[in-house]
Amino acid sequence: VKAELKDVDQSTLAKLVILCEDYERNKTGVQLIGGFHDFAFTLPKEKLINIIGTFTLNNPELSPQGSMMGFLQNEANRYRNGSSEIMPWNLYRSELMRLAEAVEDWANNKLGREVLGGLHDYIWSLSKEEITKILGDYLKNFPELANPGVLGSLVKDPPIPEGGFQNVIEAQDLPVLRKWALAVERYDVDNSDGSRRLSLKDYISSLSKEKLIQYIVGVSDRWTKLLDEKTLNNLVEKYNIE
């Protein structure tokens, strides 16, 4: 790692540290107050390189040979400079599934490939980390995908919001989240094989904001287009959720 980064300037290294920390937090689900974003730009180059080395030991995909490092280095030049680029590790699993399928279609069209089957046949069985790795491989093989706005332009109906739906859902208050949760439960039951039953209303008032978000996001793993503010509000209206 040191050999790969020794010629990188201090500012870019600081941005890489922040990106690596963001990546690890989203990968592990551990969210802490504060972090390297508070002081990374005050650290010397050698310290920053050592920190990146530790991140790559814990997350091999972030190594210089890993599928994500090229994207990290490219993104570091824009990070926290007004860019609203979609970063794969900031997305929920359902968003990643839609993005990965869109990127696969884009790559096939670019290469003129006509293929039978693809990610849509088995992506449901993949973990968030596995889907992120697939996206990282595409970003490594097609650097133009890391250009501002490209990833976001590939997913439509509904689009993925800037920064991912995480920013949207975490900005909602409890009453809205409760309505959304009841709406997605109803949608899930209506579109399932009959094995699911309505029960959330019996205990929804006891659920925290975090639990409500987990529930909504969990249902979206089965119905990937649910994570859209307009879609959720339309479902609330359709089912007369009050």
C-alpha atoms as a PDB file:
ATOM      1  CA  VAL A   1       0.000   0.000   0.000  1.00  0.00           C
ATOM      2  CA  LYS A   2       2.790   2.448   0.893  1.00  0.00           C
ATOM      3  CA  ALA A   3       4.440   1.977  -2.478  1.00  0.00           C
ATOM      4  CA  GLU A   4       1.151   2.590  -4.279  1.00  0.00           C
ATOM      5  CA  LEU A   5       0.325   5.748  -2.328  1.00  0.00           C
ATOM      6  CA  LYS A   6       3.711   7.387  -1.728  1.00  0.00           C
ATOM      7  CA  ASP A   7       3.263   9.825  -4.629  1.00  0.00           C
ATOM      8  CA  VAL A   8      -0.329  10.766  -3.744  1.00  0.00           C
ATOM      9  CA  ASP A   9      -0.697  14.240  -2.266  1.00  0.00           C
ATOM     10  CA  GLN A  10      -1.772  14.777   1.353  1.00  0.00           C
ATOM     11  CA  SER A  11      -5.192  16.200   0.504  1.00  0.00           C
ATOM     12  CA  THR A  12      -6.169  13.225  -1.674  1.00  0.00           C
ATOM     13  CA  LEU A  13      -4.870  10.807   0.967  1.00  0.00           C
ATOM     14  CA  ALA A  14      -7.066  12.521   3.562  1.00  0.00           C
ATOM     15  CA  LYS A  15     -10.076  12.142   1.286  1.00  0.00           C
ATOM     16  CA  LEU A  16      -9.195   8.476   0.738  1.00  0.00           C
ATOM     17  CA  VAL A  17      -9.112   7.906   4.501  1.00  0.00           C
ATOM     18  CA  ILE A  18     -12.567   9.467   4.856  1.00  0.00           C
ATOM     19  CA  LEU A  19     -13.903   7.357   1.978  1.00  0.00           C
ATOM     20  CA  CYS A  20     -12.421   4.168   3.438  1.00  0.00           C
ATOM     21  CA  GLU A  21     -13.981   4.947   6.808  1.00  0.00           C
ATOM     22  CA  ASP A  22     -17.368   5.619   5.187  1.00  0.00           C
ATOM     23  CA  TYR A  23     -17.052   2.363   3.249  1.00  0.00           C
ATOM     24  CA  GLU A  24     -16.217   0.293   6.347  1.00  0.00           C
ATOM     25  CA  ARG A  25     -19.022   1.862   8.394  1.00  0.00           C
ATOM     26  CA  ASN A  26     -21.588   1.084   5.720  1.00  0.00           C
ATOM     27  CA  LYS A  27     -20.195  -2.405   5.202  1.00  0.00           C
ATOM     28  CA  THR A  28     -20.318  -3.298   8.906  1.00  0.00           C
ATOM     29  CA  GLY A  29     -23.384  -1.255   9.814  1.00  0.00           C
ATOM     30  CA  VAL A  30     -21.482   0.359  12.695  1.00  0.00           C
ATOM     31  CA  GLN A  31     -22.166   4.081  12.879  1.00  0.00           C
ATOM     32  CA  LEU A  32     -20.174   6.188  15.335  1.00  0.00           C
ATOM     33  CA  ILE A  33     -20.216   9.851  16.269  1.00  0.00           C
ATOM     34  CA  GLY A  34     -17.172  11.620  14.867  1.00  0.00           C
ATOM     35  CA  GLY A  35     -14.412  10.019  12.869  1.00  0.00           C
ATOM     36  CA  PHE A  36     -11.563  10.787  10.507  1.00  0.00           C
ATOM     37  CA  HIS A  37     -13.659  13.385   8.673  1.00  0.00           C
ATOM     38  CA  ASP A  38     -13.102  15.595  11.731  1.00  0.00           C
ATOM     39  CA  PHE A  39      -9.313  15.682  11.493  1.00  0.00           C
ATOM     40  CA  ALA A  40      -7.975  13.688   8.516  1.00  0.00           C
ATOM     41  CA  PHE A  41      -6.799  16.828   6.733  1.00  0.00           C
ATOM     42  CA  THR A  42      -4.560  17.702   9.695  1.00  0.00           C
ATOM     43  CA  LEU A  43      -2.628  14.410   9.567  1.00  0.00           C
ATOM     44  CA  PRO A  44       0.745  13.982   7.823  1.00  0.00           C
ATOM     45  CA  LYS A  45       1.082  11.828   4.727  1.00  0.00           C
ATOM     46  CA  GLU A  46       2.845   8.940   6.471  1.00  0.00           C
ATOM     47  CA  LYS A  47       0.095   8.686   9.089  1.00  0.00           C
ATOM     48  CA  LEU A  48      -2.614   8.772   6.435  1.00  0.00           C
ATOM     49  CA  ILE A  49      -0.912   6.034   4.411  1.00  0.00           C
ATOM     50  CA  ASN A  50      -0.678   3.852   7.519  1.00  0.00           C
ATOM     51  CA  ILE A  51      -4.381   4.373   8.233  1.00  0.00           C
ATOM     52  CA  ILE A  52      -5.288   3.398   4.677  1.00  0.00           C
ATOM     53  CA  GLY A  53      -3.077   0.332   5.110  1.00  0.00           C
ATOM     54  CA  THR A  54      -5.098  -0.708   8.156  1.00  0.00           C
ATOM     55  CA  PHE A  55      -8.357  -0.280   6.275  1.00  0.00           C
ATOM     56  CA  THR A  56      -7.073  -2.446   3.416  1.00  0.00           C
ATOM     57  CA  LEU A  57      -6.041  -5.187   5.845  1.00  0.00           C
ATOM     58  CA  ASN A  58      -9.560  -5.250   7.274  1.00  0.00           C
ATOM     59  CA  ASN A  59     -11.187  -4.884   3.849  1.00  0.00           C
ATOM     60  CA  PRO A  60      -9.091  -6.636   1.160  1.00  0.00           C
ATOM     61  CA  GLU A  61     -11.282  -5.245  -1.610  1.00  0.00           C
ATOM     62  CA  LEU A  62      -9.820  -1.835  -0.738  1.00  0.00           C
ATOM     63  CA  SER A  63      -6.274  -2.960  -1.461  1.00  0.00           C
ATOM     64  CA  PRO A  64      -4.472  -1.366  -4.443  1.00  0.00           C
ATOM     65  CA  GLN A  65      -5.279  -4.553  -6.382  1.00  0.00           C
ATOM     66  CA  GLY A  66      -8.853  -4.686  -5.092  1.00  0.00           C
ATOM     67  CA  SER A  67     -11.875  -3.828  -7.158  1.00  0.00           C
ATOM     68  CA  MET A  68     -12.836  -0.767  -5.097  1.00  0.00           C
ATOM     69  CA  MET A  69      -9.548   1.121  -4.737  1.00  0.00           C
ATOM     70  CA  GLY A  70      -9.520   2.480  -8.280  1.00  0.00           C
ATOM     71  CA  PHE A  71     -12.969   3.911  -7.755  1.00  0.00           C
ATOM     72  CA  LEU A  72     -11.952   5.309  -4.365  1.00  0.00           C
ATOM     73  CA  GLN A  73      -8.958   7.096  -5.843  1.00  0.00           C
ATOM     74  CA  ASN A  74     -11.069   8.505  -8.662  1.00  0.00           C
ATOM     75  CA  GLU A  75     -13.834   9.569  -6.294  1.00  0.00           C
ATOM     76  CA  ALA A  76     -11.391  11.131  -3.828  1.00  0.00           C
ATOM     77  CA  ASN A  77     -10.718  13.947  -6.268  1.00  0.00           C
ATOM     78  CA  ARG A  78     -14.362  15.004  -6.034  1.00  0.00           C
ATOM     79  CA  TYR A  79     -15.387  13.916  -2.539  1.00  0.00           C
ATOM     80  CA  ARG A  80     -16.677  16.746  -0.333  1.00  0.00           C
ATOM     81  CA  ASN A  81     -16.211  19.196  -3.192  1.00  0.00           C
ATOM     82  CA  GLY A  82     -19.862  19.591  -4.099  1.00  0.00           C
ATOM     83  CA  SER A  83     -20.183  16.236  -5.849  1.00  0.00           C
ATOM     84  CA  SER A  84     -23.422  14.338  -5.363  1.00  0.00           C
ATOM     85  CA  GLU A  85     -22.169  11.199  -7.072  1.00  0.00           C
ATOM     86  CA  ILE A  86     -23.833   7.967  -6.019  1.00  0.00           C
ATOM     87  CA  MET A  87     -21.397   5.800  -4.060  1.00  0.00           C
ATOM     88  CA  PRO A  88     -22.297   2.093  -4.083  1.00  0.00           C
ATOM     89  CA  TRP A  89     -21.520   1.547  -0.410  1.00  0.00           C
ATOM     90  CA  ASN A  90     -23.956   4.289   0.617  1.00  0.00           C
ATOM     91  CA  LEU A  91     -26.882   2.417  -0.954  1.00  0.00           C
ATOM     92  CA  TYR A  92     -29.298  -0.073   0.516  1.00  0.00           C
ATOM     93  CA  ARG A  93     -29.217  -3.625  -0.836  1.00  0.00           C
ATOM     94  CA  SER A  94     -32.340  -3.132  -2.967  1.00  0.00           C
ATOM     95  CA  GLU A  95     -30.780  -0.024  -4.550  1.00  0.00           C
ATOM     96  CA  LEU A  96     -27.567  -1.935  -5.185  1.00  0.00           C
ATOM     97  CA  MET A  97     -29.513  -4.688  -6.939  1.00  0.00           C
ATOM     98  CA  ARG A  98     -31.162  -2.200  -9.276  1.00  0.00           C
ATOM     99  CA  LEU A  99     -27.884  -0.383  -9.904  1.00  0.00           C
ATOM    100  CA  ALA A 100     -25.936  -3.587 -10.584  1.00  0.00           C
ATOM    101  CA  GLU A 101     -28.528  -4.793 -13.091  1.00  0.00           C
ATOM    102  CA  ALA A 102     -28.522  -1.401 -14.808  1.00  0.00           C
ATOM    103  CA  VAL A 103     -24.729  -1.354 -14.995  1.00  0.00           C
ATOM    104  CA  GLU A 104     -24.683  -4.892 -16.415  1.00  0.00           C
ATOM    105  CA  ASP A 105     -27.165  -3.853 -19.133  1.00  0.00           C
ATOM    106  CA  TRP A 106     -25.070  -0.753 -19.857  1.00  0.00           C
ATOM    107  CA  ALA A 107     -21.876  -2.810 -20.166  1.00  0.00           C
ATOM    108  CA  ASN A 108     -23.525  -5.385 -22.425  1.00  0.00           C
ATOM    109  CA  ASN A 109     -24.843  -2.649 -24.719  1.00  0.00           C
ATOM    110  CA  LYS A 110     -21.463  -0.895 -24.786  1.00  0.00           C
ATOM    111  CA  LEU A 111     -19.710  -4.130 -25.785  1.00  0.00           C
ATOM    112  CA  GLY A 112     -22.446  -5.183 -28.182  1.00  0.00           C
ATOM    113  CA  ARG A 113     -23.070  -8.362 -26.231  1.00  0.00           C
ATOM    114  CA  GLU A 114     -26.328 -10.264 -26.437  1.00  0.00           C
ATOM    115  CA  VAL A 115     -26.481 -12.620 -23.495  1.00  0.00           C
ATOM    116  CA  LEU A 116     -29.040 -15.043 -22.160  1.00  0.00           C
ATOM    117  CA  GLY A 117     -29.562 -14.623 -18.461  1.00  0.00           C
ATOM    118  CA  GLY A 118     -27.596 -12.354 -16.174  1.00  0.00           C
ATOM    119  CA  LEU A 119     -27.636 -10.819 -12.737  1.00  0.00           C
ATOM    120  CA  HIS A 120     -31.433 -10.673 -12.641  1.00  0.00           C
ATOM    121  CA  ASP A 121     -31.456 -14.493 -12.480  1.00  0.00           C
ATOM    122  CA  TYR A 122     -29.570 -14.735  -9.194  1.00  0.00           C
ATOM    123  CA  ILE A 123     -28.945 -11.295  -7.703  1.00  0.00           C
ATOM    124  CA  TRP A 124     -31.592 -11.979  -5.050  1.00  0.00           C
ATOM    125  CA  SER A 125     -29.284 -14.589  -3.539  1.00  0.00           C
ATOM    126  CA  LEU A 126     -26.289 -12.225  -3.215  1.00  0.00           C
ATOM    127  CA  SER A 127     -25.298 -10.276  -0.132  1.00  0.00           C
ATOM    128  CA  LYS A 128     -24.799  -6.515  -0.129  1.00  0.00           C
ATOM    129  CA  GLU A 129     -21.037  -7.064  -0.033  1.00  0.00           C
ATOM    130  CA  GLU A 130     -21.143  -9.409  -3.034  1.00  0.00           C
ATOM    131  CA  ILE A 131     -23.215  -6.961  -5.077  1.00  0.00           C
ATOM    132  CA  THR A 132     -20.887  -4.102  -4.101  1.00  0.00           C
ATOM    133  CA  LYS A 133     -17.926  -6.167  -5.317  1.00  0.00           C
ATOM    134  CA  ILE A 134     -19.633  -6.752  -8.664  1.00  0.00           C
ATOM    135  CA  LEU A 135     -20.150  -3.003  -9.018  1.00  0.00           C
ATOM    136  CA  GLY A 136     -16.537  -2.416  -8.014  1.00  0.00           C
ATOM    137  CA  ASP A 137     -15.375  -4.755 -10.761  1.00  0.00           C
ATOM    138  CA  TYR A 138     -17.447  -2.875 -13.335  1.00  0.00           C
ATOM    139  CA  LEU A 139     -16.036   0.438 -12.097  1.00  0.00           C
ATOM    140  CA  LYS A 140     -12.526  -0.951 -12.436  1.00  0.00           C
ATOM    141  CA  ASN A 141     -13.149  -2.250 -15.965  1.00  0.00           C
ATOM    142  CA  PHE A 142     -15.104   0.816 -17.120  1.00  0.00           C
ATOM    143  CA  PRO A 143     -13.556   3.908 -15.451  1.00  0.00           C
ATOM    144  CA  GLU A 144     -16.038   6.182 -17.193  1.00  0.00           C
ATOM    145  CA  LEU A 145     -18.720   4.862 -14.831  1.00  0.00           C
ATOM    146  CA  ALA A 146     -17.052   6.880 -12.064  1.00  0.00           C
ATOM    147  CA  ASN A 147     -17.594  10.166 -13.911  1.00  0.00           C
ATOM    148  CA  PRO A 148     -20.065  12.514 -12.182  1.00  0.00           C
ATOM    149  CA  GLY A 149     -23.685  11.607 -12.803  1.00  0.00           C
ATOM    150  CA  VAL A 150     -23.077   8.450 -14.839  1.00  0.00           C
ATOM    151  CA  LEU A 151     -24.145   5.843 -12.280  1.00  0.00           C
ATOM    152  CA  GLY A 152     -27.201   7.810 -11.275  1.00  0.00           C
ATOM    153  CA  SER A 153     -28.310   8.195 -14.888  1.00  0.00           C
ATOM    154  CA  LEU A 154     -28.479   4.435 -15.421  1.00  0.00           C
ATOM    155  CA  VAL A 155     -31.326   3.774 -12.975  1.00  0.00           C
ATOM    156  CA  LYS A 156     -34.757   5.125 -13.782  1.00  0.00           C
ATOM    157  CA  ASP A 157     -38.416   4.576 -12.836  1.00  0.00           C
ATOM    158  CA  PRO A 158     -37.806   5.385 -10.071  1.00  0.00           C
ATOM    159  CA  PRO A 159     -34.327   6.938 -10.011  1.00  0.00           C
ATOM    160  CA  ILE A 160     -31.980   6.516  -7.070  1.00  0.00           C
ATOM    161  CA  PRO A 161     -31.850   9.853  -5.215  1.00  0.00           C
ATOM    162  CA  GLU A 162     -28.575  11.698  -4.815  1.00  0.00           C
ATOM    163  CA  GLY A 163     -26.619  10.048  -2.013  1.00  0.00           C
ATOM    164  CA  GLY A 164     -29.064   7.129  -1.918  1.00  0.00           C
ATOM    165  CA  PHE A 165     -32.444   6.721  -0.230  1.00  0.00           C
ATOM    166  CA  GLN A 166     -30.702   6.552   3.141  1.00  0.00           C
ATOM    167  CA  ASN A 167     -30.576  10.353   3.207  1.00  0.00           C
ATOM    168  CA  VAL A 168     -34.294  10.570   2.405  1.00  0.00           C
ATOM    169  CA  ILE A 169     -35.585   8.014   4.887  1.00  0.00           C
ATOM    170  CA  GLU A 170     -33.425   9.199   7.776  1.00  0.00           C
ATOM    171  CA  ALA A 171     -34.818  12.720   7.361  1.00  0.00           C
ATOM    172  CA  GLN A 172     -38.401  11.561   8.010  1.00  0.00           C
ATOM    173  CA  ASP A 173     -40.146  11.847  11.363  1.00  0.00           C
ATOM    174  CA  LEU A 174     -41.853   8.982  13.196  1.00  0.00           C
ATOM    175  CA  PRO A 175     -45.406   9.600  11.902  1.00  0.00           C
ATOM    176  CA  VAL A 176     -44.240   9.440   8.280  1.00  0.00           C
ATOM    177  CA  LEU A 177     -42.123   6.343   8.873  1.00  0.00           C
ATOM    178  CA  ARG A 178     -45.031   4.584  10.562  1.00  0.00           C
ATOM    179  CA  LYS A 179     -47.255   5.297   7.570  1.00  0.00           C
ATOM    180  CA  TRP A 180     -44.589   4.094   5.161  1.00  0.00           C
ATOM    181  CA  ALA A 181     -44.039   0.918   7.176  1.00  0.00           C
ATOM    182  CA  LEU A 182     -47.772   0.102   7.248  1.00  0.00           C
ATOM    183  CA  ALA A 183     -48.012   0.825   3.519  1.00  0.00           C
ATOM    184  CA  VAL A 184     -45.114  -1.437   2.530  1.00  0.00           C
ATOM    185  CA  GLU A 185     -46.465  -4.196   4.776  1.00  0.00           C
ATOM    186  CA  ARG A 186     -49.804  -4.000   2.980  1.00  0.00           C
ATOM    187  CA  TYR A 187     -48.057  -3.971  -0.412  1.00  0.00           C
ATOM    188  CA  ASP A 188     -45.950  -6.966   0.635  1.00  0.00           C
ATOM    189  CA  VAL A 189     -49.003  -8.944   1.750  1.00  0.00           C
ATOM    190  CA  ASP A 190     -50.999  -8.051  -1.361  1.00  0.00           C
ATOM    191  CA  ASN A 191     -48.192  -9.184  -3.659  1.00  0.00           C
ATOM    192  CA  SER A 192     -46.985 -12.261  -1.787  1.00  0.00           C
ATOM    193  CA  ASP A 193     -48.029 -15.876  -2.205  1.00  0.00           C
ATOM    194  CA  GLY A 194     -50.482 -15.682   0.655  1.00  0.00           C
ATOM    195  CA  SER A 195     -48.007 -16.687   3.340  1.00  0.00           C
ATOM    196  CA  ARG A 196     -47.761 -13.192   4.842  1.00  0.00           C
ATOM    197  CA  ARG A 197     -50.272 -11.585   7.196  1.00  0.00           C
ATOM    198  CA  LEU A 198     -50.892  -8.038   8.407  1.00  0.00           C
ATOM    199  CA  SER A 199     -49.625  -7.646  11.978  1.00  0.00           C
ATOM    200  CA  LEU A 200     -47.472  -4.512  12.143  1.00  0.00           C
ATOM    201  CA  LYS A 201     -50.332  -2.272  13.301  1.00  0.00           C
ATOM    202  CA  ASP A 202     -50.513  -4.186  16.598  1.00  0.00           C
ATOM    203  CA  TYR A 203     -47.069  -3.037  17.740  1.00  0.00           C
ATOM    204  CA  ILE A 204     -45.923  -0.274  15.412  1.00  0.00           C
ATOM    205  CA  SER A 205     -46.203   2.395  18.132  1.00  0.00           C
ATOM    206  CA  SER A 206     -43.457   0.601  20.076  1.00  0.00           C
ATOM    207  CA  LEU A 207     -40.939   0.663  17.220  1.00  0.00           C
ATOM    208  CA  SER A 208     -38.093   3.162  17.218  1.00  0.00           C
ATOM    209  CA  LYS A 209     -37.102   5.182  14.175  1.00  0.00           C
ATOM    210  CA  GLU A 210     -34.225   2.776  13.564  1.00  0.00           C
ATOM    211  CA  LYS A 211     -36.519  -0.273  13.692  1.00  0.00           C
ATOM    212  CA  LEU A 212     -39.048   1.331  11.347  1.00  0.00           C
ATOM    213  CA  ILE A 213     -36.312   2.105   8.818  1.00  0.00           C
ATOM    214  CA  GLN A 214     -35.004  -1.463   9.114  1.00  0.00           C
ATOM    215  CA  TYR A 215     -38.476  -2.816   8.432  1.00  0.00           C
ATOM    216  CA  ILE A 216     -39.101  -0.638   5.368  1.00  0.00           C
ATOM    217  CA  VAL A 217     -35.662  -1.357   3.947  1.00  0.00           C
ATOM    218  CA  GLY A 218     -36.076  -5.079   4.661  1.00  0.00           C
ATOM    219  CA  VAL A 219     -39.319  -5.274   2.692  1.00  0.00           C
ATOM    220  CA  SER A 220     -37.611  -3.432  -0.168  1.00  0.00           C
ATOM    221  CA  ASP A 221     -35.228  -6.377  -0.546  1.00  0.00           C
ATOM    222  CA  ARG A 222     -38.218  -8.259  -1.970  1.00  0.00           C
ATOM    223  CA  TRP A 223     -39.677  -5.315  -3.913  1.00  0.00           C
ATOM    224  CA  THR A 224     -36.718  -3.244  -5.066  1.00  0.00           C
ATOM    225  CA  LYS A 225     -38.639  -0.250  -6.423  1.00  0.00           C
ATOM    226  CA  LEU A 226     -40.262   0.600  -3.084  1.00  0.00           C
ATOM    227  CA  LEU A 227     -37.457   2.875  -1.886  1.00  0.00           C
ATOM    228  CA  ASP A 228     -38.787   5.984  -3.533  1.00  0.00           C
ATOM    229  CA  GLU A 229     -40.499   8.841  -1.708  1.00  0.00           C
ATOM    230  CA  LYS A 230     -43.231   9.313  -4.324  1.00  0.00           C
ATOM    231  CA  THR A 231     -43.926   5.568  -4.481  1.00  0.00           C
ATOM    232  CA  LEU A 232     -44.206   5.285  -0.700  1.00  0.00           C
ATOM    233  CA  ASN A 233     -46.499   8.301  -0.411  1.00  0.00           C
ATOM    234  CA  ASN A 234     -48.682   6.932  -3.215  1.00  0.00           C
ATOM    235  CA  LEU A 235     -49.002   3.634  -1.328  1.00  0.00           C
ATOM    236  CA  VAL A 236     -49.977   5.486   1.846  1.00  0.00           C
ATOM    237  CA  GLU A 237     -52.725   7.216  -0.114  1.00  0.00           C
ATOM    238  CA  LYS A 238     -53.791   4.041  -1.945  1.00  0.00           C
ATOM    239  CA  TYR A 239     -54.224   2.087   1.295  1.00  0.00           C
ATOM    240  CA  ASN A 240     -55.707   5.022   3.232  1.00  0.00           C
ATOM    241  CA  ILE A 241     -53.038   4.798   5.906  1.00  0.00           C
ATOM    242  CA  GLU A 242     -53.687   7.309   8.678  1.00  0.00           C
END
